[in-house]
Amino acid sequence: MSRGFGVAAGLPPEVARPLAQRCTELGYDSLWSNDHPGALGLETLAEFGAAAPGSDLGVAVIALDRQPPEKIAADVERLGLDRGRLWVGVGAGFAEKPLTRMRELVPELREQLPGVRLVLAAMGPKMCELAGAEFDGVFFNWMTPAFAAGARTKVEAGARAAGRPTPPIFGYVRTAVGEDAAARLAKEESFYRDLHDGYRNHFARLGEPEGTVGVAASDADDAARQLAAYTALDTIVVRGLASAKVEAMGAVAAAAAPR
């Protein structure tokens, strides 16, 4: 199992670059950014890549209802991102028929992004099977260790049906550390629980109390214990819940670093 560190897109260079260097020192294998209407994840990756030339870079995920494949390809080119280091995660966003839409877009994604490893955001069983069958990686989000283990079996089934090895499985694990950890996790989770039907259905399937999906740790030992339960992931991507400052994000990264 490897470990990545993830942030929300839009970190300024004076935060992103030293944070990337610190994560490399701590033993993280990859650096990740989400993507949202206010900031491009690929731009945050460009800052990470400049400061941590040995790390893989991943964006998880770009909603294809907002950014079509040709726009993603243009941004990769504009930013000079090394395709060999890059994992591009994609999701259906607010598409009415997400599974159908993602299946239809695979050829175009391959054509527009040659040499880039494509990762599918997957939560439900059918999307997990599609990811296992046709993508280079799978990205889980907002899962408990037990739910992730069940989702992994669907990815494996999809890969098996397609006659190929199971692709690597990544997953965000929201992680907060310290006295306000529980409040930070609950605040982050409450936003996603009612974001759209896909998330509403997902959290209904989880059946977990609000504010409990992720890691709210008192200290580094507690964080290590809770993260160790995510054995279904090939790469745990620690999504740091802290203020967007080097010291605060670096403290979470240190507490959740691989041991």
C-alpha atoms as a PDB file:
ATOM      1  CA  MET A   1       0.000   0.000   0.000  1.00  0.00           C
ATOM      2  CA  SER A   2       1.303   3.433  -0.956  1.00  0.00           C
ATOM      3  CA  ARG A   3       0.196   6.812   0.280  1.00  0.00           C
ATOM      4  CA  GLY A   4      -0.658  10.101  -1.393  1.00  0.00           C
ATOM      5  CA  PHE A   5      -1.579  13.489  -0.029  1.00  0.00           C
ATOM      6  CA  GLY A   6      -4.510  15.471  -1.416  1.00  0.00           C
ATOM      7  CA  VAL A   7      -5.752  19.037  -1.211  1.00  0.00           C
ATOM      8  CA  ALA A   8      -8.495  21.250  -2.591  1.00  0.00           C
ATOM      9  CA  ALA A   9      -7.520  22.969  -5.833  1.00  0.00           C
ATOM     10  CA  GLY A  10      -6.394  26.564  -5.736  1.00  0.00           C
ATOM     11  CA  LEU A  11      -3.520  26.524  -3.252  1.00  0.00           C
ATOM     12  CA  PRO A  12      -1.260  29.489  -3.960  1.00  0.00           C
ATOM     13  CA  PRO A  13       2.297  28.643  -5.063  1.00  0.00           C
ATOM     14  CA  GLU A  14       3.742  29.831  -1.750  1.00  0.00           C
ATOM     15  CA  VAL A  15       1.716  27.092  -0.036  1.00  0.00           C
ATOM     16  CA  ALA A  16       1.637  24.375  -2.697  1.00  0.00           C
ATOM     17  CA  ARG A  17       5.367  24.207  -3.353  1.00  0.00           C
ATOM     18  CA  PRO A  18       6.680  23.896   0.215  1.00  0.00           C
ATOM     19  CA  LEU A  19       3.836  21.511   1.049  1.00  0.00           C
ATOM     20  CA  ALA A  20       4.847  19.286  -1.881  1.00  0.00           C
ATOM     21  CA  GLN A  21       8.449  19.292  -0.701  1.00  0.00           C
ATOM     22  CA  ARG A  22       7.377  18.430   2.837  1.00  0.00           C
ATOM     23  CA  CYS A  23       5.181  15.554   1.652  1.00  0.00           C
ATOM     24  CA  THR A  24       8.087  14.141  -0.352  1.00  0.00           C
ATOM     25  CA  GLU A  25      10.292  14.269   2.750  1.00  0.00           C
ATOM     26  CA  LEU A  26       7.576  12.451   4.711  1.00  0.00           C
ATOM     27  CA  GLY A  27       7.456   9.565   2.230  1.00  0.00           C
ATOM     28  CA  TYR A  28       4.310  10.252   0.226  1.00  0.00           C
ATOM     29  CA  ASP A  29       4.450   8.686  -3.252  1.00  0.00           C
ATOM     30  CA  SER A  30       1.942  10.961  -4.968  1.00  0.00           C
ATOM     31  CA  LEU A  31       0.342  14.382  -4.669  1.00  0.00           C
ATOM     32  CA  TRP A  32      -3.306  15.011  -5.537  1.00  0.00           C
ATOM     33  CA  SER A  33      -5.717  17.862  -6.032  1.00  0.00           C
ATOM     34  CA  ASN A  34      -9.428  17.903  -6.534  1.00  0.00           C
ATOM     35  CA  ASP A  35     -11.004  20.095  -9.205  1.00  0.00           C
ATOM     36  CA  HIS A  36     -13.895  22.475  -8.675  1.00  0.00           C
ATOM     37  CA  PRO A  37     -15.598  25.409 -10.421  1.00  0.00           C
ATOM     38  CA  GLY A  38     -13.391  27.920  -8.632  1.00  0.00           C
ATOM     39  CA  ALA A  39      -9.996  26.412  -9.432  1.00  0.00           C
ATOM     40  CA  LEU A  40      -8.367  23.925 -11.802  1.00  0.00           C
ATOM     41  CA  GLY A  41      -6.820  20.908 -10.157  1.00  0.00           C
ATOM     42  CA  LEU A  42      -4.260  20.606 -12.950  1.00  0.00           C
ATOM     43  CA  GLU A  43      -2.915  24.059 -12.097  1.00  0.00           C
ATOM     44  CA  THR A  44      -2.350  22.979  -8.508  1.00  0.00           C
ATOM     45  CA  LEU A  45      -0.576  19.866  -9.816  1.00  0.00           C
ATOM     46  CA  ALA A  46       1.734  22.048 -11.889  1.00  0.00           C
ATOM     47  CA  GLU A  47       2.875  23.755  -8.671  1.00  0.00           C
ATOM     48  CA  PHE A  48       3.305  20.400  -6.931  1.00  0.00           C
ATOM     49  CA  GLY A  49       5.245  19.008  -9.875  1.00  0.00           C
ATOM     50  CA  ALA A  50       7.694  21.906  -9.955  1.00  0.00           C
ATOM     51  CA  ALA A  51       8.569  21.397  -6.290  1.00  0.00           C
ATOM     52  CA  ALA A  52       8.481  17.580  -6.157  1.00  0.00           C
ATOM     53  CA  PRO A  53       9.902  16.275  -9.456  1.00  0.00           C
ATOM     54  CA  GLY A  54       9.994  12.662  -8.272  1.00  0.00           C
ATOM     55  CA  SER A  55       6.346  12.365  -7.268  1.00  0.00           C
ATOM     56  CA  ASP A  56       3.397  11.136  -9.255  1.00  0.00           C
ATOM     57  CA  LEU A  57       0.646  13.733  -9.713  1.00  0.00           C
ATOM     58  CA  GLY A  58      -3.083  13.114  -9.691  1.00  0.00           C
ATOM     59  CA  VAL A  59      -6.275  15.098 -10.086  1.00  0.00           C
ATOM     60  CA  ALA A  60      -9.398  13.533  -8.590  1.00  0.00           C
ATOM     61  CA  VAL A  61     -11.640  14.225 -10.094  1.00  0.00           C
ATOM     62  CA  ILE A  62     -12.543  16.390 -13.074  1.00  0.00           C
ATOM     63  CA  ALA A  63     -16.284  16.421 -13.787  1.00  0.00           C
ATOM     64  CA  LEU A  64     -16.758  15.845 -17.495  1.00  0.00           C
ATOM     65  CA  ASP A  65     -20.005  17.793 -17.598  1.00  0.00           C
ATOM     66  CA  ARG A  66     -17.895  20.893 -16.831  1.00  0.00           C
ATOM     67  CA  GLN A  67     -14.677  20.100 -18.694  1.00  0.00           C
ATOM     68  CA  PRO A  68     -14.744  17.962 -21.843  1.00  0.00           C
ATOM     69  CA  PRO A  69     -11.745  15.805 -22.766  1.00  0.00           C
ATOM     70  CA  GLU A  70     -10.359  18.343 -25.253  1.00  0.00           C
ATOM     71  CA  LYS A  71     -10.273  21.039 -22.531  1.00  0.00           C
ATOM     72  CA  ILE A  72      -8.425  18.710 -20.174  1.00  0.00           C
ATOM     73  CA  ALA A  73      -5.917  17.878 -22.899  1.00  0.00           C
ATOM     74  CA  ALA A  74      -5.377  21.569 -23.661  1.00  0.00           C
ATOM     75  CA  ASP A  75      -4.714  22.314 -19.993  1.00  0.00           C
ATOM     76  CA  VAL A  76      -2.235  19.440 -19.685  1.00  0.00           C
ATOM     77  CA  GLU A  77      -0.377  20.845 -22.679  1.00  0.00           C
ATOM     78  CA  ARG A  78      -0.566  24.461 -21.511  1.00  0.00           C
ATOM     79  CA  LEU A  79       0.792  23.620 -18.087  1.00  0.00           C
ATOM     80  CA  GLY A  80       3.584  21.407 -19.400  1.00  0.00           C
ATOM     81  CA  LEU A  81       2.584  18.490 -17.213  1.00  0.00           C
ATOM     82  CA  ASP A  82       4.578  15.290 -17.636  1.00  0.00           C
ATOM     83  CA  ARG A  83       2.055  12.764 -18.919  1.00  0.00           C
ATOM     84  CA  GLY A  84       4.126   9.891 -17.581  1.00  0.00           C
ATOM     85  CA  ARG A  85       3.684  11.170 -14.012  1.00  0.00           C
ATOM     86  CA  LEU A  86       0.041  12.045 -14.371  1.00  0.00           C
ATOM     87  CA  TRP A  87      -3.134  10.335 -13.165  1.00  0.00           C
ATOM     88  CA  VAL A  88      -6.235  12.097 -14.465  1.00  0.00           C
ATOM     89  CA  GLY A  89      -9.358  11.200 -12.546  1.00  0.00           C
ATOM     90  CA  VAL A  90     -12.695  11.824 -14.202  1.00  0.00           C
ATOM     91  CA  GLY A  91     -16.288  11.649 -13.103  1.00  0.00           C
ATOM     92  CA  ALA A  92     -19.748  12.151 -14.562  1.00  0.00           C
ATOM     93  CA  GLY A  93     -20.630  15.216 -12.504  1.00  0.00           C
ATOM     94  CA  PHE A  94     -24.317  16.042 -12.885  1.00  0.00           C
ATOM     95  CA  ALA A  95     -24.907  13.918 -16.009  1.00  0.00           C
ATOM     96  CA  GLU A  96     -28.407  12.421 -16.121  1.00  0.00           C
ATOM     97  CA  LYS A  97     -27.136   8.956 -17.082  1.00  0.00           C
ATOM     98  CA  PRO A  98     -23.660   8.877 -15.512  1.00  0.00           C
ATOM     99  CA  LEU A  99     -22.773   5.266 -16.283  1.00  0.00           C
ATOM    100  CA  THR A 100     -23.767   5.551 -19.935  1.00  0.00           C
ATOM    101  CA  ARG A 101     -21.982   8.871 -20.281  1.00  0.00           C
ATOM    102  CA  MET A 102     -18.718   7.607 -18.832  1.00  0.00           C
ATOM    103  CA  ARG A 103     -18.775   4.496 -21.004  1.00  0.00           C
ATOM    104  CA  GLU A 104     -19.348   6.622 -24.107  1.00  0.00           C
ATOM    105  CA  LEU A 105     -16.469   8.975 -23.295  1.00  0.00           C
ATOM    106  CA  VAL A 106     -13.730   6.347 -22.880  1.00  0.00           C
ATOM    107  CA  PRO A 107     -12.613   6.397 -26.557  1.00  0.00           C
ATOM    108  CA  GLU A 108     -12.502  10.197 -26.643  1.00  0.00           C
ATOM    109  CA  LEU A 109     -10.527  10.347 -23.389  1.00  0.00           C
ATOM    110  CA  ARG A 110      -7.992   7.888 -24.798  1.00  0.00           C
ATOM    111  CA  GLU A 111      -7.701   9.864 -28.010  1.00  0.00           C
ATOM    112  CA  GLN A 112      -7.315  13.246 -26.347  1.00  0.00           C
ATOM    113  CA  LEU A 113      -4.999  12.130 -23.520  1.00  0.00           C
ATOM    114  CA  PRO A 114      -2.500   9.612 -24.912  1.00  0.00           C
ATOM    115  CA  GLY A 115       0.107   8.570 -22.378  1.00  0.00           C
ATOM    116  CA  VAL A 116      -1.980   9.762 -19.434  1.00  0.00           C
ATOM    117  CA  ARG A 117      -3.287   7.219 -16.942  1.00  0.00           C
ATOM    118  CA  LEU A 118      -7.055   7.583 -16.652  1.00  0.00           C
ATOM    119  CA  VAL A 119      -8.830   7.017 -13.345  1.00  0.00           C
ATOM    120  CA  LEU A 120     -12.581   6.685 -12.962  1.00  0.00           C
ATOM    121  CA  ALA A 121     -14.407   8.016  -9.918  1.00  0.00           C
ATOM    122  CA  ALA A 122     -16.564   5.106  -8.755  1.00  0.00           C
ATOM    123  CA  MET A 123     -18.913   4.645  -5.832  1.00  0.00           C
ATOM    124  CA  GLY A 124     -21.782   2.437  -7.028  1.00  0.00           C
ATOM    125  CA  PRO A 125     -21.323  -1.195  -8.104  1.00  0.00           C
ATOM    126  CA  LYS A 126     -21.844  -0.675 -11.858  1.00  0.00           C
ATOM    127  CA  MET A 127     -19.395   2.231 -12.012  1.00  0.00           C
ATOM    128  CA  CYS A 128     -16.866   0.130 -10.081  1.00  0.00           C
ATOM    129  CA  GLU A 129     -17.241  -2.663 -12.638  1.00  0.00           C
ATOM    130  CA  LEU A 130     -16.762  -0.220 -15.522  1.00  0.00           C
ATOM    131  CA  ALA A 131     -13.634   1.156 -13.870  1.00  0.00           C
ATOM    132  CA  GLY A 132     -12.224  -2.321 -13.454  1.00  0.00           C
ATOM    133  CA  ALA A 133     -12.945  -3.187 -17.067  1.00  0.00           C
ATOM    134  CA  GLU A 134     -11.812  -0.087 -18.946  1.00  0.00           C
ATOM    135  CA  PHE A 135      -9.733   2.352 -16.882  1.00  0.00           C
ATOM    136  CA  ASP A 136      -6.130   2.540 -15.672  1.00  0.00           C
ATOM    137  CA  GLY A 137      -7.173   3.194 -12.108  1.00  0.00           C
ATOM    138  CA  VAL A 138     -10.183   3.604  -9.846  1.00  0.00           C
ATOM    139  CA  PHE A 139     -10.866   6.366  -7.357  1.00  0.00           C
ATOM    140  CA  PHE A 140     -13.077   5.842  -4.310  1.00  0.00           C
ATOM    141  CA  ASN A 141     -14.485   8.693  -2.251  1.00  0.00           C
ATOM    142  CA  TRP A 142     -16.316   8.934   1.049  1.00  0.00           C
ATOM    143  CA  MET A 143     -16.108   5.276   1.997  1.00  0.00           C
ATOM    144  CA  THR A 144     -15.649   3.402   5.233  1.00  0.00           C
ATOM    145  CA  PRO A 145     -13.036   0.627   5.240  1.00  0.00           C
ATOM    146  CA  ALA A 146     -15.775  -2.026   5.025  1.00  0.00           C
ATOM    147  CA  PHE A 147     -17.612  -0.304   2.169  1.00  0.00           C
ATOM    148  CA  ALA A 148     -14.344   0.135   0.269  1.00  0.00           C
ATOM    149  CA  ALA A 149     -13.667  -3.588   0.631  1.00  0.00           C
ATOM    150  CA  GLY A 150     -17.048  -4.372  -0.923  1.00  0.00           C
ATOM    151  CA  ALA A 151     -16.516  -1.861  -3.725  1.00  0.00           C
ATOM    152  CA  ARG A 152     -13.139  -3.412  -4.469  1.00  0.00           C
ATOM    153  CA  THR A 153     -14.801  -6.759  -5.200  1.00  0.00           C
ATOM    154  CA  LYS A 154     -16.903  -5.041  -7.896  1.00  0.00           C
ATOM    155  CA  VAL A 155     -13.782  -3.529  -9.480  1.00  0.00           C
ATOM    156  CA  GLU A 156     -12.149  -6.952  -9.447  1.00  0.00           C
ATOM    157  CA  ALA A 157     -15.238  -8.514 -11.035  1.00  0.00           C
ATOM    158  CA  GLY A 158     -15.206  -5.935 -13.820  1.00  0.00           C
ATOM    159  CA  ALA A 159     -11.529  -6.546 -14.508  1.00  0.00           C
ATOM    160  CA  ARG A 160     -12.012 -10.302 -14.458  1.00  0.00           C
ATOM    161  CA  ALA A 161     -14.889 -10.107 -16.941  1.00  0.00           C
ATOM    162  CA  ALA A 162     -12.707  -8.005 -19.242  1.00  0.00           C
ATOM    163  CA  GLY A 163      -9.811 -10.456 -18.959  1.00  0.00           C
ATOM    164  CA  ARG A 164      -7.378  -7.954 -17.460  1.00  0.00           C
ATOM    165  CA  PRO A 165      -5.593  -7.383 -14.143  1.00  0.00           C
ATOM    166  CA  THR A 166      -7.352  -5.301 -11.518  1.00  0.00           C
ATOM    167  CA  PRO A 167      -6.247  -1.674 -11.941  1.00  0.00           C
ATOM    168  CA  PRO A 168      -4.841   0.175  -8.915  1.00  0.00           C
ATOM    169  CA  ILE A 169      -7.447   1.478  -6.506  1.00  0.00           C
ATOM    170  CA  PHE A 170      -7.007   4.916  -4.960  1.00  0.00           C
ATOM    171  CA  GLY A 171      -9.256   6.628  -2.468  1.00  0.00           C
ATOM    172  CA  TYR A 172      -9.596   9.877  -0.607  1.00  0.00           C
ATOM    173  CA  VAL A 173      -9.697   9.460   3.146  1.00  0.00           C
ATOM    174  CA  ARG A 174     -10.615  12.791   4.689  1.00  0.00           C
ATOM    175  CA  THR A 175      -8.270  13.254   7.621  1.00  0.00           C
ATOM    176  CA  ALA A 176      -8.299  15.800  10.413  1.00  0.00           C
ATOM    177  CA  VAL A 177      -6.008  15.731  13.429  1.00  0.00           C
ATOM    178  CA  GLY A 178      -6.190  17.584  16.734  1.00  0.00           C
ATOM    179  CA  GLU A 179      -8.766  19.014  19.108  1.00  0.00           C
ATOM    180  CA  ASP A 180     -11.120  20.206  16.360  1.00  0.00           C
ATOM    181  CA  ALA A 181     -10.752  17.101  14.190  1.00  0.00           C
ATOM    182  CA  ALA A 182     -14.310  15.847  14.617  1.00  0.00           C
ATOM    183  CA  ALA A 183     -15.780  19.261  13.784  1.00  0.00           C
ATOM    184  CA  ARG A 184     -13.634  19.599  10.651  1.00  0.00           C
ATOM    185  CA  LEU A 185     -14.650  16.164   9.380  1.00  0.00           C
ATOM    186  CA  ALA A 186     -18.334  16.791  10.100  1.00  0.00           C
ATOM    187  CA  LYS A 187     -18.260  20.145   8.292  1.00  0.00           C
ATOM    188  CA  GLU A 188     -16.624  18.667   5.192  1.00  0.00           C
ATOM    189  CA  GLU A 189     -18.942  15.677   5.120  1.00  0.00           C
ATOM    190  CA  SER A 190     -22.129  17.713   5.564  1.00  0.00           C
ATOM    191  CA  PHE A 191     -21.392  19.619   2.354  1.00  0.00           C
ATOM    192  CA  TYR A 192     -21.122  16.449   0.270  1.00  0.00           C
ATOM    193  CA  ARG A 193     -24.045  14.559   1.789  1.00  0.00           C
ATOM    194  CA  ASP A 194     -26.572  16.748  -0.015  1.00  0.00           C
ATOM    195  CA  LEU A 195     -24.540  17.875  -3.029  1.00  0.00           C
ATOM    196  CA  HIS A 196     -26.505  15.854  -5.598  1.00  0.00           C
ATOM    197  CA  ASP A 197     -28.415  12.587  -5.980  1.00  0.00           C
ATOM    198  CA  GLY A 198     -25.267  10.565  -6.537  1.00  0.00           C
ATOM    199  CA  TYR A 199     -23.874  11.546  -3.151  1.00  0.00           C
ATOM    200  CA  ARG A 200     -27.254  11.365  -1.443  1.00  0.00           C
ATOM    201  CA  ASN A 201     -27.701   7.800  -2.665  1.00  0.00           C
ATOM    202  CA  HIS A 202     -24.159   6.899  -1.743  1.00  0.00           C
ATOM    203  CA  PHE A 203     -24.421   8.112   1.838  1.00  0.00           C
ATOM    204  CA  ALA A 204     -27.771   6.353   2.144  1.00  0.00           C
ATOM    205  CA  ARG A 205     -26.069   3.100   1.122  1.00  0.00           C
ATOM    206  CA  LEU A 206     -23.321   3.718   3.670  1.00  0.00           C
ATOM    207  CA  GLY A 207     -25.842   4.131   6.468  1.00  0.00           C
ATOM    208  CA  GLU A 208     -23.283   5.818   8.709  1.00  0.00           C
ATOM    209  CA  PRO A 209     -23.940   8.676  11.158  1.00  0.00           C
ATOM    210  CA  GLU A 210     -23.008  12.104   9.856  1.00  0.00           C
ATOM    211  CA  GLY A 211     -19.456  13.129  10.589  1.00  0.00           C
ATOM    212  CA  THR A 212     -18.042   9.604  10.852  1.00  0.00           C
ATOM    213  CA  VAL A 213     -16.851   8.776   7.315  1.00  0.00           C
ATOM    214  CA  GLY A 214     -13.134   9.453   7.356  1.00  0.00           C
ATOM    215  CA  VAL A 215     -10.548   9.990  10.050  1.00  0.00           C
ATOM    216  CA  ALA A 216     -10.904  12.379  12.963  1.00  0.00           C
ATOM    217  CA  ALA A 217      -7.794  11.652  15.015  1.00  0.00           C
ATOM    218  CA  SER A 218      -6.514  12.990  18.303  1.00  0.00           C
ATOM    219  CA  ASP A 219      -2.860  12.547  17.331  1.00  0.00           C
ATOM    220  CA  ALA A 220      -0.497  10.820  14.894  1.00  0.00           C
ATOM    221  CA  ASP A 221      -0.829   7.395  16.523  1.00  0.00           C
ATOM    222  CA  ASP A 222      -4.611   7.589  16.337  1.00  0.00           C
ATOM    223  CA  ALA A 223      -4.424   8.683  12.696  1.00  0.00           C
ATOM    224  CA  ALA A 224      -2.113   5.790  11.836  1.00  0.00           C
ATOM    225  CA  ARG A 225      -4.430   3.289  13.505  1.00  0.00           C
ATOM    226  CA  GLN A 226      -7.525   4.533  11.674  1.00  0.00           C
ATOM    227  CA  LEU A 227      -5.846   4.821   8.282  1.00  0.00           C
ATOM    228  CA  ALA A 228      -4.461   1.294   8.589  1.00  0.00           C
ATOM    229  CA  ALA A 229      -8.029  -0.048   8.381  1.00  0.00           C
ATOM    230  CA  TYR A 230      -8.287   0.983   4.701  1.00  0.00           C
ATOM    231  CA  THR A 231      -6.725  -2.224   3.436  1.00  0.00           C
ATOM    232  CA  ALA A 232      -8.946  -2.293   0.323  1.00  0.00           C
ATOM    233  CA  LEU A 233      -7.060   0.680  -1.153  1.00  0.00           C
ATOM    234  CA  ASP A 234      -3.803   0.255  -3.012  1.00  0.00           C
ATOM    235  CA  THR A 235      -3.104   3.930  -2.376  1.00  0.00           C
ATOM    236  CA  ILE A 236      -4.623   5.880   0.486  1.00  0.00           C
ATOM    237  CA  VAL A 237      -4.843   9.520  -0.545  1.00  0.00           C
ATOM    238  CA  VAL A 238      -4.939  11.464   2.700  1.00  0.00           C
ATOM    239  CA  ARG A 239      -7.212  14.445   2.056  1.00  0.00           C
ATOM    240  CA  GLY A 240      -5.969  16.940   4.587  1.00  0.00           C
ATOM    241  CA  LEU A 241      -8.665  18.869   6.432  1.00  0.00           C
ATOM    242  CA  ALA A 242      -6.861  21.959   7.654  1.00  0.00           C
ATOM    243  CA  SER A 243      -6.536  25.620   6.781  1.00  0.00           C
ATOM    244  CA  ALA A 244      -4.767  26.246   3.481  1.00  0.00           C
ATOM    245  CA  LYS A 245      -1.464  27.156   5.079  1.00  0.00           C
ATOM    246  CA  VAL A 246       1.868  25.361   4.968  1.00  0.00           C
ATOM    247  CA  GLU A 247       2.084  24.836   8.716  1.00  0.00           C
ATOM    248  CA  ALA A 248      -1.457  23.526   9.148  1.00  0.00           C
ATOM    249  CA  MET A 249      -1.463  21.260   6.093  1.00  0.00           C
ATOM    250  CA  GLY A 250       2.056  20.101   6.858  1.00  0.00           C
ATOM    251  CA  ALA A 251       0.997  19.078  10.359  1.00  0.00           C
ATOM    252  CA  VAL A 252      -1.768  16.855   8.979  1.00  0.00           C
ATOM    253  CA  ALA A 253       0.618  15.402   6.405  1.00  0.00           C
ATOM    254  CA  ALA A 254       3.134  14.601   9.148  1.00  0.00           C
ATOM    255  CA  ALA A 255       0.538  12.985  11.385  1.00  0.00           C
ATOM    256  CA  ALA A 256      -0.846  10.836   8.558  1.00  0.00           C
ATOM    257  CA  ALA A 257       2.469  10.023   6.861  1.00  0.00           C
ATOM    258  CA  PRO A 258       3.389   6.432   5.973  1.00  0.00           C
ATOM    259  CA  ARG A 259       5.250   4.567   8.688  1.00  0.00           C
END
